[in-house]
Amino acid sequence: MRVGLILFAVGLAVVLAAAVWFRVVPMPADTWHVEPADITPPGRPNHDLRVGARAPVFEASPEVAAAMLADVAASEGAVIIAGDPASGHVTYVVRSAVMGFPDAISVRLVPVGDGTRIEMFSRARFGYSDMGVNTARMDRWIAAMRAQTGP
C-alpha cells in the first residue's frame, strides 16, 4: 500500500511538472512564423494545412478579414508570437486546456478579387498525432468567420 502511494505521488509530480513545462516552453518566432503557401506537409498527422484550393475564401476585404481573424483567435485564447493580422501575416500559439501542449497557427491573408483567401497552417509542436485537434480548430475558426460574413 505504501509503495503504491509513493508511486502514485511520484507519477502525479511528473505529470504536474510536465504540465508546467509545456505551458512555459518557448515558441520562437523565427522557427514557427512561416508562410503557409511555402510549406511542404510534414510526414506526421499532427497538422492541418489549407492553401490553394483548400484555403477558404471570404467575401470580405483583407482588413475586415483580419479583424474577424483576430476576434476568432482571441476567443480561443490564441496569443500572437509574430506578425499582425492587419499586416496580413500572423502566427499564433494556442495551448491545450489540461496539459498546455502548444500548437502554432500561421495565417496569410491573400486578396482575391473583392474577397480574401485565408491560407492557414496549424500544427502541434509535440507528438506524432494531434488526434484531429488542428483540423477541428481550423474548422471552428472558418465557421466562426463564415458566421460573420455569410457563405
N, C-alpha and C. Protein backbone atom coordinates (compact mmCIF):
# COMPACT_ATOMS: atom_id res chain seq x y z
N MET A 1 0.82 -1.20 0.00
CA MET A 1 0.00 0.00 0.00
C MET A 1 0.87 1.26 0.00
N ARG A 2 1.89 1.25 0.84
CA ARG A 2 2.77 2.42 0.95
C ARG A 2 3.55 2.63 -0.36
N VAL A 3 4.02 1.54 -0.97
CA VAL A 3 4.75 1.64 -2.23
C VAL A 3 3.83 2.19 -3.31
N GLY A 4 2.61 1.72 -3.35
CA GLY A 4 1.64 2.21 -4.33
C GLY A 4 1.37 3.70 -4.16
N LEU A 5 1.26 4.15 -2.94
CA LEU A 5 1.04 5.57 -2.66
C LEU A 5 2.24 6.41 -3.10
N ILE A 6 3.44 5.90 -2.84
CA ILE A 6 4.65 6.61 -3.25
C ILE A 6 4.73 6.68 -4.78
N LEU A 7 4.45 5.58 -5.46
CA LEU A 7 4.46 5.58 -6.92
C LEU A 7 3.42 6.54 -7.49
N PHE A 8 2.25 6.57 -6.86
CA PHE A 8 1.21 7.49 -7.30
C PHE A 8 1.67 8.94 -7.14
N ALA A 9 2.28 9.25 -6.01
CA ALA A 9 2.75 10.62 -5.74
C ALA A 9 3.84 11.02 -6.73
N VAL A 10 4.76 10.10 -7.02
CA VAL A 10 5.83 10.39 -7.97
C VAL A 10 5.23 10.60 -9.37
N GLY A 11 4.31 9.75 -9.76
CA GLY A 11 3.66 9.88 -11.06
C GLY A 11 2.91 11.21 -11.18
N LEU A 12 2.20 11.59 -10.13
CA LEU A 12 1.47 12.85 -10.13
C LEU A 12 2.44 14.03 -10.24
N ALA A 13 3.56 13.95 -9.53
CA ALA A 13 4.56 15.03 -9.60
C ALA A 13 5.13 15.15 -11.01
N VAL A 14 5.37 14.03 -11.66
CA VAL A 14 5.89 14.05 -13.03
C VAL A 14 4.87 14.69 -13.99
N VAL A 15 3.61 14.32 -13.86
CA VAL A 15 2.57 14.88 -14.72
C VAL A 15 2.44 16.38 -14.49
N LEU A 16 2.46 16.81 -13.25
CA LEU A 16 2.36 18.25 -12.95
C LEU A 16 3.57 19.01 -13.47
N ALA A 17 4.76 18.44 -13.32
CA ALA A 17 5.97 19.09 -13.84
C ALA A 17 5.90 19.20 -15.36
N ALA A 18 5.41 18.17 -16.02
CA ALA A 18 5.28 18.20 -17.48
C ALA A 18 4.27 19.27 -17.90
N ALA A 19 3.16 19.36 -17.17
CA ALA A 19 2.14 20.36 -17.50
C ALA A 19 2.71 21.78 -17.37
N VAL A 20 3.51 22.01 -16.35
CA VAL A 20 4.14 23.32 -16.18
C VAL A 20 5.12 23.57 -17.32
N TRP A 21 5.94 22.58 -17.64
CA TRP A 21 6.93 22.76 -18.71
C TRP A 21 6.26 23.05 -20.05
N PHE A 22 5.21 22.28 -20.40
CA PHE A 22 4.53 22.51 -21.68
C PHE A 22 3.92 23.91 -21.75
N ARG A 23 3.50 24.46 -20.62
CA ARG A 23 2.89 25.79 -20.60
C ARG A 23 3.91 26.92 -20.76
N VAL A 24 5.16 26.66 -20.42
CA VAL A 24 6.17 27.72 -20.48
C VAL A 24 7.21 27.51 -21.58
N VAL A 25 7.19 26.36 -22.25
CA VAL A 25 8.18 26.11 -23.29
C VAL A 25 8.07 27.20 -24.35
N PRO A 26 9.21 27.81 -24.72
CA PRO A 26 9.15 28.90 -25.70
C PRO A 26 8.77 28.42 -27.09
N MET A 27 8.14 29.31 -27.83
CA MET A 27 7.78 29.07 -29.23
C MET A 27 8.43 30.19 -30.04
N PRO A 28 9.73 30.04 -30.38
CA PRO A 28 10.45 31.13 -31.05
C PRO A 28 9.85 31.47 -32.42
N ALA A 29 9.64 32.76 -32.62
CA ALA A 29 9.02 33.23 -33.86
C ALA A 29 9.84 32.84 -35.09
N ASP A 30 11.17 32.85 -34.97
CA ASP A 30 11.99 32.54 -36.15
C ASP A 30 11.82 31.09 -36.60
N THR A 31 11.31 30.24 -35.74
CA THR A 31 11.04 28.84 -36.10
C THR A 31 9.60 28.63 -36.56
N TRP A 32 8.65 29.28 -35.90
CA TRP A 32 7.24 28.97 -36.07
C TRP A 32 6.48 29.91 -37.00
N HIS A 33 7.01 31.12 -37.26
CA HIS A 33 6.33 32.09 -38.13
C HIS A 33 6.70 31.78 -39.58
N VAL A 34 5.82 31.09 -40.28
CA VAL A 34 6.09 30.63 -41.64
C VAL A 34 4.98 31.07 -42.60
N GLU A 35 5.31 31.01 -43.87
CA GLU A 35 4.33 31.26 -44.93
C GLU A 35 3.61 29.94 -45.22
N PRO A 36 2.31 29.86 -44.98
CA PRO A 36 1.60 28.60 -45.24
C PRO A 36 1.81 28.07 -46.66
N ALA A 37 1.83 28.94 -47.66
CA ALA A 37 1.96 28.50 -49.05
C ALA A 37 3.32 27.88 -49.35
N ASP A 38 4.32 28.15 -48.51
CA ASP A 38 5.67 27.63 -48.74
C ASP A 38 5.93 26.30 -48.04
N ILE A 39 4.93 25.78 -47.34
CA ILE A 39 5.12 24.59 -46.51
C ILE A 39 4.94 23.31 -47.32
N THR A 40 5.85 22.39 -47.11
CA THR A 40 5.67 21.01 -47.57
C THR A 40 5.04 20.27 -46.39
N PRO A 41 3.90 19.63 -46.60
CA PRO A 41 3.24 18.98 -45.47
C PRO A 41 4.17 18.02 -44.73
N PRO A 42 4.18 18.10 -43.40
CA PRO A 42 5.01 17.19 -42.61
C PRO A 42 4.54 15.74 -42.80
N GLY A 43 5.41 14.81 -42.47
CA GLY A 43 5.08 13.39 -42.60
C GLY A 43 4.27 12.84 -41.44
N ARG A 44 3.94 13.69 -40.48
CA ARG A 44 3.17 13.24 -39.31
C ARG A 44 1.74 13.82 -39.39
N PRO A 45 0.77 13.08 -38.84
CA PRO A 45 -0.62 13.59 -38.87
C PRO A 45 -0.92 14.52 -37.69
N ASN A 46 -0.06 15.52 -37.47
CA ASN A 46 -0.29 16.43 -36.35
C ASN A 46 -0.42 17.87 -36.83
N HIS A 47 -1.05 18.04 -37.99
CA HIS A 47 -1.17 19.38 -38.56
C HIS A 47 -2.40 19.46 -39.46
N ASP A 48 -2.72 20.68 -39.88
CA ASP A 48 -3.71 20.92 -40.93
C ASP A 48 -3.16 22.06 -41.77
N LEU A 49 -3.02 21.83 -43.05
CA LEU A 49 -2.50 22.82 -43.99
C LEU A 49 -3.58 23.15 -45.01
N ARG A 50 -3.97 24.42 -45.07
CA ARG A 50 -5.01 24.84 -46.00
C ARG A 50 -4.46 25.97 -46.87
N VAL A 51 -4.05 25.60 -48.05
CA VAL A 51 -3.54 26.56 -49.03
C VAL A 51 -4.17 26.20 -50.38
N GLY A 52 -4.04 27.10 -51.34
CA GLY A 52 -4.59 26.84 -52.67
C GLY A 52 -6.08 26.59 -52.61
N ALA A 53 -6.53 25.53 -53.27
CA ALA A 53 -7.96 25.22 -53.34
C ALA A 53 -8.54 24.84 -51.97
N ARG A 54 -7.70 24.40 -51.03
CA ARG A 54 -8.20 24.04 -49.68
C ARG A 54 -8.38 25.26 -48.78
N ALA A 55 -7.84 26.41 -49.18
CA ALA A 55 -7.94 27.61 -48.36
C ALA A 55 -9.30 28.27 -48.57
N PRO A 56 -9.98 28.65 -47.50
CA PRO A 56 -11.28 29.29 -47.65
C PRO A 56 -11.14 30.71 -48.21
N VAL A 57 -12.15 31.11 -48.97
CA VAL A 57 -12.21 32.47 -49.50
C VAL A 57 -13.45 33.13 -48.89
N PHE A 58 -13.26 34.35 -48.40
CA PHE A 58 -14.34 35.10 -47.77
C PHE A 58 -14.66 36.33 -48.59
N GLU A 59 -15.93 36.69 -48.61
CA GLU A 59 -16.36 37.90 -49.31
C GLU A 59 -16.18 39.07 -48.36
N ALA A 60 -14.93 39.38 -48.08
CA ALA A 60 -14.58 40.48 -47.18
C ALA A 60 -13.20 40.99 -47.58
N SER A 61 -12.98 42.26 -47.37
CA SER A 61 -11.66 42.83 -47.67
C SER A 61 -10.63 42.24 -46.70
N PRO A 62 -9.35 42.30 -47.04
CA PRO A 62 -8.32 41.82 -46.12
C PRO A 62 -8.39 42.50 -44.75
N GLU A 63 -8.76 43.77 -44.72
CA GLU A 63 -8.86 44.49 -43.45
C GLU A 63 -9.99 43.92 -42.58
N VAL A 64 -11.13 43.66 -43.20
CA VAL A 64 -12.26 43.07 -42.47
C VAL A 64 -11.93 41.64 -42.05
N ALA A 65 -11.34 40.88 -42.97
CA ALA A 65 -10.96 39.50 -42.65
C ALA A 65 -9.94 39.47 -41.51
N ALA A 66 -9.02 40.40 -41.49
CA ALA A 66 -8.02 40.48 -40.41
C ALA A 66 -8.69 40.72 -39.07
N ALA A 67 -9.65 41.61 -39.05
CA ALA A 67 -10.37 41.91 -37.80
C ALA A 67 -11.15 40.68 -37.33
N MET A 68 -11.80 39.99 -38.26
CA MET A 68 -12.55 38.78 -37.90
C MET A 68 -11.60 37.71 -37.37
N LEU A 69 -10.47 37.52 -38.06
CA LEU A 69 -9.49 36.54 -37.63
C LEU A 69 -9.00 36.85 -36.22
N ALA A 70 -8.68 38.10 -35.96
CA ALA A 70 -8.19 38.49 -34.64
C ALA A 70 -9.22 38.19 -33.57
N ASP A 71 -10.49 38.46 -33.84
CA ASP A 71 -11.56 38.19 -32.87
C ASP A 71 -11.71 36.70 -32.61
N VAL A 72 -11.72 35.91 -33.68
CA VAL A 72 -11.89 34.46 -33.54
C VAL A 72 -10.71 33.85 -32.79
N ALA A 73 -9.50 34.25 -33.14
CA ALA A 73 -8.30 33.73 -32.47
C ALA A 73 -8.31 34.10 -30.99
N ALA A 74 -8.64 35.34 -30.68
CA ALA A 74 -8.68 35.77 -29.28
C ALA A 74 -9.72 35.01 -28.48
N SER A 75 -10.85 34.67 -29.12
CA SER A 75 -11.90 33.93 -28.42
C SER A 75 -11.45 32.53 -28.02
N GLU A 76 -10.42 32.01 -28.69
CA GLU A 76 -9.89 30.68 -28.36
C GLU A 76 -8.61 30.77 -27.54
N GLY A 77 -8.26 31.96 -27.09
CA GLY A 77 -7.07 32.11 -26.26
C GLY A 77 -5.76 32.12 -27.02
N ALA A 78 -5.82 32.35 -28.33
CA ALA A 78 -4.60 32.40 -29.14
C ALA A 78 -3.79 33.64 -28.78
N VAL A 79 -2.47 33.45 -28.76
CA VAL A 79 -1.54 34.54 -28.45
C VAL A 79 -0.63 34.73 -29.67
N ILE A 80 -0.48 35.97 -30.09
CA ILE A 80 0.38 36.26 -31.24
C ILE A 80 1.84 36.14 -30.83
N ILE A 81 2.61 35.37 -31.64
CA ILE A 81 4.05 35.29 -31.40
C ILE A 81 4.85 36.01 -32.48
N ALA A 82 4.20 36.31 -33.62
CA ALA A 82 4.87 37.04 -34.69
C ALA A 82 3.82 37.60 -35.64
N GLY A 83 4.18 38.71 -36.28
CA GLY A 83 3.29 39.29 -37.26
C GLY A 83 2.11 39.99 -36.62
N ASP A 84 1.13 40.28 -37.46
CA ASP A 84 -0.06 41.02 -37.03
C ASP A 84 -1.16 40.74 -38.06
N PRO A 85 -2.39 40.46 -37.61
CA PRO A 85 -3.45 40.21 -38.60
C PRO A 85 -3.59 41.36 -39.59
N ALA A 86 -3.44 42.59 -39.12
CA ALA A 86 -3.60 43.75 -40.01
C ALA A 86 -2.54 43.78 -41.11
N SER A 87 -1.38 43.17 -40.86
CA SER A 87 -0.32 43.13 -41.88
C SER A 87 -0.57 42.03 -42.90
N GLY A 88 -1.51 41.12 -42.59
CA GLY A 88 -1.82 40.02 -43.50
C GLY A 88 -1.04 38.75 -43.26
N HIS A 89 -0.16 38.74 -42.26
CA HIS A 89 0.61 37.53 -41.94
C HIS A 89 0.84 37.51 -40.43
N VAL A 90 0.34 36.46 -39.79
CA VAL A 90 0.42 36.37 -38.34
C VAL A 90 0.58 34.91 -37.92
N THR A 91 1.27 34.70 -36.80
CA THR A 91 1.38 33.37 -36.23
C THR A 91 0.95 33.44 -34.77
N TYR A 92 0.06 32.51 -34.42
CA TYR A 92 -0.47 32.41 -33.07
C TYR A 92 0.03 31.14 -32.40
N VAL A 93 -0.04 31.13 -31.07
CA VAL A 93 0.13 29.91 -30.29
C VAL A 93 -1.14 29.71 -29.48
N VAL A 94 -1.66 28.49 -29.52
CA VAL A 94 -2.79 28.08 -28.69
C VAL A 94 -2.32 26.88 -27.90
N ARG A 95 -2.60 26.89 -26.60
CA ARG A 95 -2.18 25.77 -25.74
C ARG A 95 -3.41 25.00 -25.28
N SER A 96 -3.26 23.66 -25.20
CA SER A 96 -4.37 22.82 -24.77
C SER A 96 -4.73 23.13 -23.32
N ALA A 97 -5.98 22.89 -22.99
CA ALA A 97 -6.51 23.28 -21.68
C ALA A 97 -5.85 22.54 -20.51
N VAL A 98 -5.68 21.25 -20.61
CA VAL A 98 -5.21 20.49 -19.45
C VAL A 98 -3.69 20.50 -19.33
N MET A 99 -3.00 20.06 -20.35
CA MET A 99 -1.54 19.92 -20.25
C MET A 99 -0.78 21.12 -20.82
N GLY A 100 -1.45 21.97 -21.56
CA GLY A 100 -0.78 23.15 -22.12
C GLY A 100 0.08 22.86 -23.33
N PHE A 101 -0.22 21.78 -24.08
CA PHE A 101 0.54 21.47 -25.29
C PHE A 101 0.41 22.62 -26.27
N PRO A 102 1.51 23.16 -26.80
CA PRO A 102 1.42 24.29 -27.73
C PRO A 102 1.21 23.87 -29.18
N ASP A 103 0.32 24.57 -29.85
CA ASP A 103 0.12 24.45 -31.29
C ASP A 103 0.40 25.82 -31.90
N ALA A 104 1.05 25.84 -33.06
CA ALA A 104 1.31 27.09 -33.77
C ALA A 104 0.38 27.17 -34.97
N ILE A 105 -0.20 28.35 -35.18
CA ILE A 105 -1.10 28.57 -36.30
C ILE A 105 -0.60 29.78 -37.09
N SER A 106 -0.09 29.55 -38.29
CA SER A 106 0.37 30.63 -39.16
C SER A 106 -0.71 30.91 -40.19
N VAL A 107 -1.00 32.20 -40.39
CA VAL A 107 -2.08 32.60 -41.30
C VAL A 107 -1.58 33.69 -42.23
N ARG A 108 -1.95 33.57 -43.50
CA ARG A 108 -1.66 34.59 -44.51
C ARG A 108 -2.98 34.99 -45.15
N LEU A 109 -3.28 36.29 -45.17
CA LEU A 109 -4.47 36.81 -45.83
C LEU A 109 -4.08 37.26 -47.24
N VAL A 110 -4.72 36.68 -48.24
CA VAL A 110 -4.37 36.95 -49.64
C VAL A 110 -5.58 37.57 -50.35
N PRO A 111 -5.44 38.83 -50.83
CA PRO A 111 -6.54 39.44 -51.57
C PRO A 111 -6.86 38.64 -52.83
N VAL A 112 -8.16 38.40 -53.06
CA VAL A 112 -8.62 37.68 -54.25
C VAL A 112 -9.86 38.42 -54.75
N GLY A 113 -9.70 39.19 -55.82
CA GLY A 113 -10.83 39.98 -56.31
C GLY A 113 -11.31 40.92 -55.22
N ASP A 114 -12.61 40.82 -54.90
CA ASP A 114 -13.18 41.65 -53.83
C ASP A 114 -13.14 40.93 -52.48
N GLY A 115 -12.55 39.77 -52.43
CA GLY A 115 -12.54 38.99 -51.20
C GLY A 115 -11.13 38.71 -50.70
N THR A 116 -11.06 37.73 -49.80
CA THR A 116 -9.78 37.37 -49.18
C THR A 116 -9.69 35.86 -49.01
N ARG A 117 -8.61 35.29 -49.51
CA ARG A 117 -8.32 33.87 -49.26
C ARG A 117 -7.48 33.82 -47.98
N ILE A 118 -7.82 32.87 -47.11
CA ILE A 118 -7.09 32.75 -45.84
C ILE A 118 -6.34 31.42 -45.85
N GLU A 119 -5.03 31.52 -46.04
CA GLU A 119 -4.16 30.34 -46.03
C GLU A 119 -3.71 30.10 -44.59
N MET A 120 -3.80 28.85 -44.15
CA MET A 120 -3.50 28.52 -42.75
C MET A 120 -2.66 27.26 -42.63
N PHE A 121 -1.79 27.28 -41.66
CA PHE A 121 -1.00 26.10 -41.31
C PHE A 121 -1.02 25.98 -39.79
N SER A 122 -1.76 25.00 -39.30
CA SER A 122 -1.88 24.78 -37.86
C SER A 122 -1.20 23.46 -37.53
N ARG A 123 -0.28 23.48 -36.56
CA ARG A 123 0.47 22.26 -36.26
C ARG A 123 0.84 22.19 -34.79
N ALA A 124 0.96 20.92 -34.34
CA ALA A 124 1.36 20.64 -32.97
C ALA A 124 2.88 20.68 -32.87
N ARG A 125 3.37 21.21 -31.77
CA ARG A 125 4.82 21.21 -31.57
C ARG A 125 5.31 19.82 -31.15
N PHE A 126 4.51 19.13 -30.35
CA PHE A 126 4.93 17.83 -29.82
C PHE A 126 4.00 16.73 -30.30
N GLY A 127 4.56 15.54 -30.39
CA GLY A 127 3.76 14.36 -30.68
C GLY A 127 3.68 14.01 -32.14
N TYR A 128 3.33 12.77 -32.38
CA TYR A 128 3.19 12.27 -33.75
C TYR A 128 1.82 12.64 -34.30
N SER A 129 0.77 12.43 -33.51
CA SER A 129 -0.59 12.72 -33.93
C SER A 129 -1.21 13.73 -32.97
N ASP A 130 -2.04 14.60 -33.52
CA ASP A 130 -2.74 15.57 -32.68
C ASP A 130 -4.19 15.16 -32.44
N MET A 131 -4.57 13.97 -32.90
CA MET A 131 -5.92 13.42 -32.76
C MET A 131 -6.98 14.35 -33.35
N GLY A 132 -6.61 15.07 -34.42
CA GLY A 132 -7.56 15.91 -35.13
C GLY A 132 -7.78 17.29 -34.54
N VAL A 133 -6.99 17.66 -33.54
CA VAL A 133 -7.18 18.95 -32.86
C VAL A 133 -6.98 20.12 -33.81
N ASN A 134 -5.93 20.09 -34.63
CA ASN A 134 -5.66 21.22 -35.52
C ASN A 134 -6.72 21.35 -36.61
N THR A 135 -7.18 20.25 -37.15
CA THR A 135 -8.25 20.29 -38.15
C THR A 135 -9.53 20.83 -37.52
N ALA A 136 -9.86 20.38 -36.33
CA ALA A 136 -11.07 20.87 -35.65
C ALA A 136 -10.96 22.37 -35.38
N ARG A 137 -9.77 22.83 -35.01
CA ARG A 137 -9.58 24.26 -34.75
C ARG A 137 -9.80 25.06 -36.03
N MET A 138 -9.20 24.62 -37.14
CA MET A 138 -9.37 25.34 -38.39
C MET A 138 -10.84 25.37 -38.80
N ASP A 139 -11.52 24.24 -38.64
CA ASP A 139 -12.95 24.19 -38.97
C ASP A 139 -13.74 25.20 -38.12
N ARG A 140 -13.43 25.28 -36.82
CA ARG A 140 -14.12 26.23 -35.93
C ARG A 140 -13.84 27.67 -36.34
N TRP A 141 -12.58 27.97 -36.62
CA TRP A 141 -12.21 29.34 -36.99
C TRP A 141 -12.91 29.74 -38.28
N ILE A 142 -12.92 28.85 -39.26
CA ILE A 142 -13.56 29.15 -40.54
C ILE A 142 -15.07 29.32 -40.35
N ALA A 143 -15.69 28.43 -39.58
CA ALA A 143 -17.13 28.53 -39.33
C ALA A 143 -17.48 29.83 -38.61
N ALA A 144 -16.66 30.22 -37.65
CA ALA A 144 -16.92 31.47 -36.91
C ALA A 144 -16.78 32.68 -37.84
N MET A 145 -15.82 32.64 -38.74
CA MET A 145 -15.66 33.74 -39.69
C MET A 145 -16.79 33.75 -40.72
N ARG A 146 -17.20 32.56 -41.15
CA ARG A 146 -18.34 32.46 -42.11
C ARG A 146 -19.62 33.00 -41.47
N ALA A 147 -19.78 32.76 -40.19
CA ALA A 147 -20.97 33.26 -39.49
C ALA A 147 -21.02 34.79 -39.51
N GLN A 148 -19.87 35.42 -39.61
CA GLN A 148 -19.81 36.88 -39.66
C GLN A 148 -19.97 37.43 -41.07
N THR A 149 -19.59 36.64 -42.10
CA THR A 149 -19.62 37.15 -43.47
C THR A 149 -20.67 36.49 -44.35
N GLY A 150 -21.17 35.35 -43.94
CA GLY A 150 -22.08 34.59 -44.80
C GLY A 150 -21.26 33.64 -45.66
N PRO A 151 -21.92 32.81 -46.46
CA PRO A 151 -21.21 31.81 -47.25
C PRO A 151 -20.29 32.46 -48.22
